[in-house]
Amino acid sequence: MKMKSVFVATSASLILLLLAACNALKPTPAPTQTAQVLPATGVQYHFVTNKLLIPTTQDQTQSFALNVDGDPQQRSDNKFGELFTLLTSVAQGIELQSTLDQAVNTGQLVSLHVVKANDPLNDPSVSWSIFLGQKTQSAPSFDGSDKFTLDSAAPTYSPLVGSLTNGHFTGGPGTARLQMFLLGQPVDVDLIGVLLEADLSTQGCANGKLGGGVTVDEFRGKFLPAIAEGFNQIINTDNAMANTLLQVFDADNNGTITVQELESNPLLMMAISPDLDLLDASGKFSPGQDGVKDSYSIGLGFTCVPATFTAPGN
């Protein structure tokens, strides 16, 4: 089955985007992260994510982007935004945000935050910790009354260190475990070079941006299989969308989309090429040291509200 021309060039801007790319996927060693000095004092504020936003448009891609590799040109990075935008462009009607919303709203995805600060508006030394929570038996209300339990199987990383100025937090880099639901498929991934910004108050956070890097191994081993599995479930349940997905991604015409077909798809050439050099040859977080692009930038939006849970050290 040949790809129809409508999917080969959905717009002039898409063509220009796809012509840019190139770097081959290369495995990387396990990352390490330099420890930062944590604030010695402060009040702890506990929150839960009530909205996690995937960038599915160019505007959102730019809005959620952060300068993950710290390049002097201050370029914002969000390779995943390009991938998600591309997927929704070539397969219109595909649901990325709605499946993530469902996971958050039903308590299947619980992301918890602990902010430690002497002053929730202005403080030069603030820590922000991110934890995964256990799934809930009933849907959270997100009104401040919810009680959660940390997922003991998830790793615990050092908090992000930053500052608060007029209620705006800026912090990182650090490391964090992130959970997402892509096309209904849960994906747990460890981010490196994590940066976080948000407008904070005791009532929660707004305009949050979470950025970082995903290593090649994490991308190939977790994100691509989740996307392929999500596509195949859609193929089995939605005939109209199945025709679109098979025409675009099923290179061998066997009715199933594989990770290998995603990797070799000409439309995804740029979106599945790493864009950042975050690690040195030993796997240490050291941006721009060896010139090897070993990671994919990701930028997401989020909001949070007060919640009750016991965090490590409480």
Protein backbone atom coordinates (compact mmCIF):
# COMPACT_ATOMS: atom_id res chain seq x y z
CA MET A 1 0.00 0.00 0.00
CA LYS A 2 1.57 3.33 -1.02
CA MET A 3 1.45 6.44 1.13
CA LYS A 4 -1.03 8.96 -0.20
CA SER A 5 0.34 12.33 -1.14
CA VAL A 6 -1.87 14.10 1.39
CA PHE A 7 0.19 12.53 4.17
CA VAL A 8 3.54 13.21 2.53
CA ALA A 9 3.10 16.96 2.61
CA THR A 10 0.44 18.30 4.91
CA SER A 11 1.89 21.80 4.70
CA ALA A 12 4.90 23.71 3.48
CA SER A 13 6.07 24.26 7.05
CA LEU A 14 5.99 20.52 7.75
CA ILE A 15 8.16 19.83 4.72
CA LEU A 16 10.73 22.39 5.88
CA LEU A 17 10.71 20.85 9.34
CA LEU A 18 11.34 17.36 8.05
CA LEU A 19 14.12 18.30 5.62
CA ALA A 20 16.36 19.52 8.43
CA ALA A 21 17.42 16.28 9.98
CA CYS A 22 19.69 13.71 10.54
CA ASN A 23 21.63 12.41 13.44
CA ALA A 24 21.77 8.64 13.90
CA LEU A 25 20.43 7.14 17.13
CA LYS A 26 23.28 6.15 19.42
CA PRO A 27 23.09 4.32 22.75
CA THR A 28 24.37 6.20 25.80
CA PRO A 29 25.62 5.11 29.21
CA ALA A 30 23.48 5.55 32.31
CA PRO A 31 23.33 9.20 33.38
CA THR A 32 24.61 10.75 36.58
CA GLN A 33 23.72 14.15 38.01
CA THR A 34 25.75 16.62 40.02
CA ALA A 35 24.31 17.20 43.51
CA GLN A 36 23.28 20.73 44.53
CA VAL A 37 23.24 22.42 47.94
CA LEU A 38 19.76 22.17 49.48
CA PRO A 39 18.20 24.92 51.59
CA ALA A 40 18.79 24.34 55.30
CA THR A 41 15.43 25.68 56.47
CA GLY A 42 11.93 26.18 55.15
CA VAL A 43 8.25 25.26 55.32
CA GLN A 44 7.12 22.31 53.21
CA TYR A 45 4.17 22.76 50.85
CA HIS A 46 2.61 19.63 49.34
CA PHE A 47 0.92 19.61 45.93
CA VAL A 48 -0.42 17.21 43.29
CA THR A 49 -0.48 17.75 39.53
CA ASN A 50 -4.07 18.31 38.42
CA LYS A 51 -3.18 19.07 34.80
CA LEU A 52 -0.29 17.79 32.69
CA LEU A 53 -0.06 19.27 29.22
CA ILE A 54 1.53 17.67 26.16
CA PRO A 55 2.55 20.10 23.40
CA THR A 56 0.59 19.18 20.28
CA THR A 57 0.92 22.49 18.41
CA GLN A 58 3.87 24.66 17.48
CA ASP A 59 2.65 27.37 19.87
CA GLN A 60 2.56 24.92 22.78
CA THR A 61 5.94 23.50 21.78
CA GLN A 62 7.49 26.95 22.11
CA SER A 63 5.47 27.89 25.18
CA PHE A 64 6.62 24.83 27.19
CA ALA A 65 10.22 24.87 25.93
CA LEU A 66 13.22 25.61 28.17
CA ASN A 67 16.93 26.00 27.47
CA VAL A 68 17.78 22.50 28.69
CA ASP A 69 21.40 22.37 27.51
CA GLY A 70 22.16 25.92 28.68
CA ASP A 71 23.59 27.04 25.35
CA PRO A 72 24.72 30.69 25.30
CA GLN A 73 22.30 31.51 22.48
CA GLN A 74 19.47 30.80 24.97
CA ARG A 75 17.64 28.59 22.46
CA SER A 76 14.58 26.86 23.87
CA ASP A 77 14.49 23.08 23.47
CA ASN A 78 11.48 20.81 22.96
CA LYS A 79 12.07 17.95 20.53
CA PHE A 80 9.10 16.03 21.94
CA GLY A 81 6.85 18.93 21.08
CA GLU A 82 7.94 18.61 17.47
CA LEU A 83 7.22 14.86 17.55
CA PHE A 84 3.77 15.23 19.11
CA THR A 85 2.87 18.09 16.78
CA LEU A 86 3.95 16.03 13.80
CA LEU A 87 1.93 12.99 14.90
CA THR A 88 -1.23 15.05 15.30
CA SER A 89 -0.61 16.69 11.91
CA VAL A 90 -0.24 13.50 9.87
CA ALA A 91 -2.91 11.59 11.80
CA GLN A 92 -5.55 14.20 12.48
CA GLY A 93 -8.00 13.12 15.14
CA ILE A 94 -5.45 11.17 17.15
CA GLU A 95 -5.94 11.78 20.88
CA LEU A 96 -2.83 12.58 22.91
CA GLN A 97 -3.98 15.18 25.44
CA SER A 98 -7.35 13.56 26.17
CA THR A 99 -5.84 10.19 27.09
CA LEU A 100 -3.38 11.95 29.40
CA ASP A 101 -6.21 13.99 30.95
CA GLN A 102 -8.13 10.80 31.63
CA ALA A 103 -5.14 9.22 33.39
CA VAL A 104 -4.71 12.28 35.64
CA ASN A 105 -8.43 12.81 36.33
CA THR A 106 -9.02 9.16 37.29
CA GLY A 107 -5.97 8.91 39.55
CA GLN A 108 -4.04 6.55 37.28
CA LEU A 109 -1.23 9.11 36.99
CA VAL A 110 -0.29 10.77 40.28
CA SER A 111 2.56 13.27 40.29
CA LEU A 112 3.36 14.79 43.68
CA HIS A 113 5.42 17.87 44.57
CA VAL A 114 7.06 19.14 47.75
CA VAL A 115 8.24 22.74 47.77
CA LYS A 116 10.42 23.84 50.68
CA ALA A 117 10.72 27.59 51.18
CA ASN A 118 10.93 30.10 54.02
CA ASP A 119 8.70 32.45 52.05
CA PRO A 120 6.33 31.15 49.32
CA LEU A 121 6.73 34.42 47.37
CA ASN A 122 10.37 35.47 47.65
CA ASP A 123 13.21 33.21 48.74
CA PRO A 124 16.70 32.86 47.20
CA SER A 125 17.06 29.23 48.33
CA VAL A 126 14.14 26.90 47.54
CA SER A 127 13.88 23.18 46.82
CA TRP A 128 11.26 21.47 44.65
CA SER A 129 10.92 17.68 44.83
CA ILE A 130 8.93 15.55 42.39
CA PHE A 131 7.58 12.11 43.35
CA LEU A 132 5.38 9.51 41.69
CA GLY A 133 2.31 8.54 43.70
CA GLN A 134 0.36 5.32 43.85
CA LYS A 135 -2.75 5.00 41.72
CA THR A 136 -5.92 5.92 43.56
CA GLN A 137 -9.02 3.75 43.90
CA SER A 138 -11.33 6.69 43.22
CA ALA A 139 -10.93 9.83 41.15
CA PRO A 140 -9.21 12.71 42.98
CA SER A 141 -11.26 15.84 43.58
CA PHE A 142 -8.26 18.22 43.32
CA ASP A 143 -9.84 20.57 45.87
CA GLY A 144 -7.13 20.25 48.53
CA SER A 145 -8.79 17.35 50.37
CA ASP A 146 -7.08 14.51 48.48
CA LYS A 147 -4.71 12.15 50.29
CA PHE A 148 -2.06 10.24 48.37
CA THR A 149 0.67 7.68 48.99
CA LEU A 150 4.09 7.74 47.38
CA ASP A 151 4.98 4.92 44.99
CA SER A 152 7.66 3.06 46.94
CA ALA A 153 8.87 1.32 43.78
CA ALA A 154 9.78 4.60 42.08
CA PRO A 155 13.26 6.08 42.57
CA THR A 156 13.70 9.14 44.75
CA TYR A 157 15.95 11.86 43.37
CA SER A 158 17.41 14.95 45.00
CA PRO A 159 15.19 18.04 44.87
CA LEU A 160 15.61 20.71 42.24
CA VAL A 161 17.25 23.77 43.78
CA GLY A 162 16.14 27.24 42.77
CA SER A 163 14.62 30.50 43.91
CA LEU A 164 11.31 32.31 44.23
CA THR A 165 10.90 35.88 43.00
CA ASN A 166 7.46 37.51 43.31
CA GLY A 167 5.92 34.04 43.45
CA HIS A 168 7.73 32.70 40.38
CA PHE A 169 9.95 29.65 40.92
CA THR A 170 12.93 28.90 38.70
CA GLY A 171 15.10 25.88 39.46
CA GLY A 172 17.37 23.10 38.24
CA PRO A 173 19.15 21.39 36.66
CA GLY A 174 18.47 18.07 38.33
CA THR A 175 17.00 14.63 37.75
CA ALA A 176 13.39 13.48 38.06
CA ARG A 177 11.18 10.48 37.31
CA LEU A 178 8.35 11.44 34.98
CA GLN A 179 5.25 9.41 34.19
CA MET A 180 3.16 10.01 31.10
CA PHE A 181 0.31 8.27 29.30
CA LEU A 182 0.84 8.27 25.53
CA LEU A 183 -2.13 7.01 23.52
CA GLY A 184 -3.26 5.26 26.70
CA GLN A 185 0.12 3.62 27.33
CA PRO A 186 1.91 4.41 30.63
CA VAL A 187 5.54 5.49 30.25
CA ASP A 188 7.92 6.04 33.17
CA VAL A 189 11.11 7.81 32.20
CA ASP A 190 14.04 9.39 34.04
CA LEU A 191 14.77 12.96 32.92
CA ILE A 192 18.21 14.54 33.14
CA GLY A 193 19.07 18.22 33.14
CA VAL A 194 15.62 18.93 34.54
CA LEU A 195 14.50 22.57 34.69
CA LEU A 196 11.27 23.75 36.27
CA GLU A 197 9.42 27.05 36.27
CA ALA A 198 6.03 27.86 37.81
CA ASP A 199 3.99 30.60 39.43
CA LEU A 200 3.63 29.43 43.02
CA SER A 201 1.37 30.21 45.96
CA THR A 202 0.15 28.27 48.97
CA GLN A 203 -2.92 27.42 46.86
CA GLY A 204 -0.91 25.62 44.19
CA CYS A 205 1.00 26.39 41.02
CA ALA A 206 0.07 27.76 37.60
CA ASN A 207 1.84 28.23 34.28
CA GLY A 208 4.21 25.41 35.18
CA LYS A 209 6.87 24.29 32.71
CA LEU A 210 8.91 21.11 33.16
CA GLY A 211 11.80 20.52 30.79
CA GLY A 212 14.67 18.07 30.58
CA GLY A 213 16.44 15.48 28.49
CA VAL A 214 15.53 11.89 27.65
CA THR A 215 18.48 9.69 26.73
CA VAL A 216 18.48 7.75 23.48
CA ASP A 217 18.13 4.46 25.36
CA GLU A 218 15.08 5.72 27.27
CA PHE A 219 13.51 7.08 24.09
CA ARG A 220 14.05 3.91 22.05
CA GLY A 221 13.25 1.55 24.90
CA LYS A 222 10.18 3.29 26.32
CA PHE A 223 8.64 6.07 24.24
CA LEU A 224 8.77 4.48 20.78
CA PRO A 225 7.31 1.13 22.00
CA ALA A 226 4.50 3.01 23.76
CA ILE A 227 3.67 4.96 20.60
CA ALA A 228 3.74 1.79 18.47
CA GLU A 229 1.50 -0.08 20.95
CA GLY A 230 -0.89 2.87 21.14
CA PHE A 231 -1.12 3.00 17.36
CA ASN A 232 -1.82 -0.72 17.15
CA GLN A 233 -4.61 -0.50 19.71
CA ILE A 234 -6.18 2.30 17.68
CA ILE A 235 -5.86 0.17 14.53
CA ASN A 236 -7.78 -2.62 16.27
CA THR A 237 -10.61 -0.38 17.50
CA ASP A 238 -11.01 2.53 15.05
CA ASN A 239 -11.33 1.63 11.38
CA ALA A 240 -11.24 5.21 10.11
CA MET A 241 -8.10 6.10 12.04
CA ALA A 242 -6.60 2.70 11.26
CA ASN A 243 -6.54 3.51 7.54
CA THR A 244 -4.63 6.72 8.19
CA LEU A 245 -2.07 5.16 10.52
CA LEU A 246 -1.44 2.16 8.29
CA GLN A 247 -0.99 4.29 5.19
CA VAL A 248 1.56 6.49 6.94
CA PHE A 249 3.48 4.07 9.15
CA ASP A 250 2.91 0.44 8.06
CA ALA A 251 5.82 0.07 5.63
CA ASP A 252 5.48 -3.68 5.11
CA ASN A 253 1.65 -3.60 4.83
CA ASN A 254 1.10 -6.33 7.42
CA GLY A 255 -1.47 -4.41 9.45
CA THR A 256 0.82 -3.76 12.42
CA ILE A 257 3.12 -0.84 13.21
CA THR A 258 6.49 -1.69 14.77
CA VAL A 259 9.17 0.39 16.49
CA GLN A 260 11.45 -0.28 13.52
CA GLU A 261 8.85 1.17 11.14
CA LEU A 262 8.60 4.31 13.27
CA GLU A 263 12.39 4.67 13.32
CA SER A 264 12.68 4.34 9.54
CA ASN A 265 9.62 6.40 8.63
CA PRO A 266 10.65 9.35 6.43
CA LEU A 267 8.07 11.65 8.02
CA LEU A 268 9.56 11.07 11.48
CA MET A 269 13.20 11.45 10.43
CA MET A 270 13.83 14.65 12.34
CA ALA A 271 11.51 13.98 15.24
CA ILE A 272 13.31 10.74 16.22
CA SER A 273 16.82 12.19 16.00
CA PRO A 274 18.35 13.40 19.30
CA ASP A 275 18.85 17.15 19.54
CA LEU A 276 20.97 17.72 22.68
CA ASP A 277 24.48 16.89 23.93
CA LEU A 278 23.91 16.55 27.67
CA LEU A 279 26.32 13.75 28.68
CA ASP A 280 30.05 13.25 28.41
CA ALA A 281 31.57 9.91 27.39
CA SER A 282 31.33 8.57 30.97
CA GLY A 283 27.62 9.35 31.26
CA LYS A 284 28.08 12.37 33.52
CA PHE A 285 25.74 15.30 33.03
CA SER A 286 28.03 17.75 31.28
CA PRO A 287 26.26 19.64 28.46
CA GLY A 288 28.15 20.41 25.28
CA GLN A 289 31.36 18.58 26.21
CA ASP A 290 31.85 15.97 23.49
CA GLY A 291 29.65 17.14 20.62
CA VAL A 292 27.62 13.90 20.58
CA LYS A 293 23.87 14.41 20.59
CA ASP A 294 22.77 11.84 23.14
CA SER A 295 19.40 13.11 24.38
CA TYR A 296 15.97 14.36 23.32
CA SER A 297 14.60 17.54 24.84
CA ILE A 298 11.12 17.49 26.32
CA GLY A 299 8.99 20.36 27.57
CA LEU A 300 5.59 19.95 29.23
CA GLY A 301 3.11 22.24 30.95
CA PHE A 302 1.46 21.59 34.30
CA THR A 303 -0.60 23.01 37.15
CA CYS A 304 -0.88 21.76 40.73
CA VAL A 305 -3.12 22.06 43.78
CA PRO A 306 -2.63 21.34 47.50
CA ALA A 307 -2.67 17.70 48.62
CA THR A 308 -1.82 15.56 51.64
CA PHE A 309 0.86 12.85 51.62
CA THR A 310 3.93 11.81 53.56
CA ALA A 311 7.18 12.58 51.76
CA PRO A 312 10.64 11.22 52.58
CA GLY A 313 12.08 13.03 55.60
CA ASN A 314 8.66 14.08 56.97
